[in-house]
Protein backbone atom coordinates (compact mmCIF):
# COMPACT_ATOMS: atom_id res chain seq x y z
CA UNK A 1 105.61 115.44 114.58
CA UNK A 2 106.54 114.30 111.07
CA UNK A 3 110.28 114.62 111.55
CA UNK A 4 113.03 112.07 111.92
CA UNK A 5 115.38 113.78 114.32
CA UNK A 6 118.78 112.82 115.60
CA UNK A 7 117.44 111.15 118.74
CA UNK A 8 115.19 108.93 116.59
CA UNK A 9 118.03 107.53 114.48
CA UNK A 10 119.92 104.40 115.44
CA UNK A 11 123.61 105.35 115.49
CA UNK A 12 125.21 103.51 118.41
CA UNK A 13 127.43 100.63 117.33
CA UNK A 14 126.79 98.85 120.63
CA UNK A 15 123.02 99.05 120.12
CA UNK A 16 123.31 97.87 116.51
CA UNK A 17 125.42 94.91 117.62
CA UNK A 18 122.90 94.11 120.38
CA UNK A 19 120.08 94.39 117.86
CA UNK A 20 121.61 91.83 115.50
CA UNK A 21 122.69 89.39 118.22
CA UNK A 22 119.51 89.37 120.33
CA UNK A 23 116.88 90.97 118.10
CA UNK A 24 113.72 89.49 116.66
CA UNK A 25 113.30 89.64 112.88
CA UNK A 26 110.65 89.14 110.25
CA UNK A 27 110.42 89.77 106.53
CA UNK A 28 107.77 91.61 104.59
CA UNK A 29 109.41 91.26 101.22
CA UNK A 30 111.47 93.20 100.14
CA UNK A 31 112.08 94.61 103.64
CA UNK A 32 113.53 92.71 106.58
CA UNK A 33 112.81 94.20 110.00
CA UNK A 34 114.98 93.46 113.03
CA UNK A 35 113.80 94.84 116.37
CA UNK A 36 114.56 94.58 120.06
CA UNK A 37 112.99 95.95 123.24
CA UNK A 38 115.43 98.42 124.66
CA UNK A 39 116.19 100.23 127.88
CA UNK A 40 117.82 103.07 125.99
CA UNK A 41 117.66 106.38 127.81
CA UNK A 42 116.44 108.27 124.78
CA UNK A 43 113.70 110.87 124.43
CA UNK A 44 112.19 108.92 121.56
CA UNK A 45 110.28 105.63 122.02
CA UNK A 46 111.86 104.26 118.82
CA UNK A 47 115.34 104.43 117.37
CA UNK A 48 115.37 103.29 113.75
CA UNK A 49 118.10 102.50 111.24
CA UNK A 50 117.92 101.85 107.52
CA UNK A 51 120.20 99.67 105.41
CA UNK A 52 120.50 98.28 101.89
CA UNK A 53 122.61 95.25 101.01
CA UNK A 54 125.74 96.13 99.05
CA UNK A 55 125.78 92.74 97.34
CA UNK A 56 122.41 93.50 95.70
CA UNK A 57 123.17 97.12 94.76
CA UNK A 58 126.78 97.83 93.81
CA UNK A 59 126.22 101.53 93.15
CA UNK A 60 126.00 103.80 96.18
CA UNK A 61 123.52 105.98 94.28
CA UNK A 62 121.01 103.11 94.19
CA UNK A 63 121.56 102.21 97.85
CA UNK A 64 121.11 105.82 98.93
CA UNK A 65 117.92 106.16 96.86
CA UNK A 66 116.38 103.14 98.55
CA UNK A 67 117.43 104.31 102.02
CA UNK A 68 115.92 107.75 101.36
CA UNK A 69 112.66 106.18 100.24
CA UNK A 70 112.51 103.90 103.29
CA UNK A 71 113.30 106.78 105.67
CA UNK A 72 110.63 108.96 104.12
CA UNK A 73 107.99 106.21 104.25
CA UNK A 74 108.85 105.53 107.90
CA UNK A 75 108.87 109.24 108.80
CA UNK A 76 105.37 109.75 107.37
CA UNK A 77 103.85 106.62 108.96
CA UNK A 78 105.71 106.22 112.27
CA UNK A 79 102.81 107.68 114.28
CA UNK A 80 101.05 104.30 114.13
CA UNK A 81 103.93 102.74 116.03
CA UNK A 82 104.42 105.68 118.40
CA UNK A 83 100.80 105.58 119.56
CA UNK A 84 101.04 101.90 120.44
CA UNK A 85 104.38 102.27 122.25
CA UNK A 86 103.23 105.28 124.25
CA UNK A 87 100.25 103.29 125.56
CA UNK A 88 102.46 100.39 126.68
CA UNK A 89 105.37 102.69 127.72
CA UNK A 90 107.87 100.61 125.71
CA UNK A 91 111.04 101.64 123.91
CA UNK A 92 112.44 99.70 120.98
CA UNK A 93 115.32 99.81 118.54
CA UNK A 94 114.76 98.61 115.00
CA UNK A 95 116.45 98.30 111.64
CA UNK A 96 114.82 98.21 108.22
CA UNK A 97 116.97 96.26 105.75
CA UNK A 98 116.10 96.27 102.06
CA UNK A 99 116.80 92.75 100.73
CA UNK A 100 115.13 92.92 97.30
CA UNK A 101 117.02 93.06 94.02
CA UNK A 102 115.01 95.70 92.15
CA UNK A 103 114.29 99.38 92.80
CA UNK A 104 110.54 99.87 93.38
CA UNK A 105 108.82 103.24 93.40
CA UNK A 106 108.01 105.08 96.62
CA UNK A 107 104.38 103.89 96.82
CA UNK A 108 105.46 100.23 96.90
CA UNK A 109 108.06 100.84 99.58
CA UNK A 110 105.59 102.88 101.64
CA UNK A 111 102.99 100.11 101.55
CA UNK A 112 105.56 97.57 102.77
CA UNK A 113 106.78 99.90 105.53
CA UNK A 114 103.17 100.38 106.70
CA UNK A 115 102.67 96.59 106.79
CA UNK A 116 105.95 96.22 108.71
CA UNK A 117 104.91 98.87 111.25
CA UNK A 118 101.53 97.19 111.75
CA UNK A 119 103.19 93.81 112.29
CA UNK A 120 105.66 95.43 114.66
CA UNK A 121 102.86 96.88 116.78
CA UNK A 122 101.23 93.44 117.01
CA UNK A 123 104.55 91.80 117.95
CA UNK A 124 105.24 94.44 120.62
CA UNK A 125 101.84 93.67 122.19
CA UNK A 126 102.71 89.96 122.33
CA UNK A 127 106.09 90.56 123.98
CA UNK A 128 104.59 92.83 126.63
């Protein structure tokens, strides 16, 4: 239930390219969310990816720290999104991109991820 398994991670280069060419995006600073309704034949209703801009964080250690924090915040709070998508029987792919220039603590990132998930559920309702 509170896992982030292999089928829930966005790994396909074709899907990532599709996401960035045709996806819908919004920003809840410092996180940019890009998402797209998908017809992916996956067990999971959501496939998520996480990224940090190299130009803002030159050290891989810092980028990896931020990605770990975003993944953990999403993993803990993804049930909000899953409930909404199971009701509407929708599958989406999404990418969380950290665009800020500082390294916040986990609580700040988690609050922004929760806001992003709530906005995403509202946007998915509109598209359906």
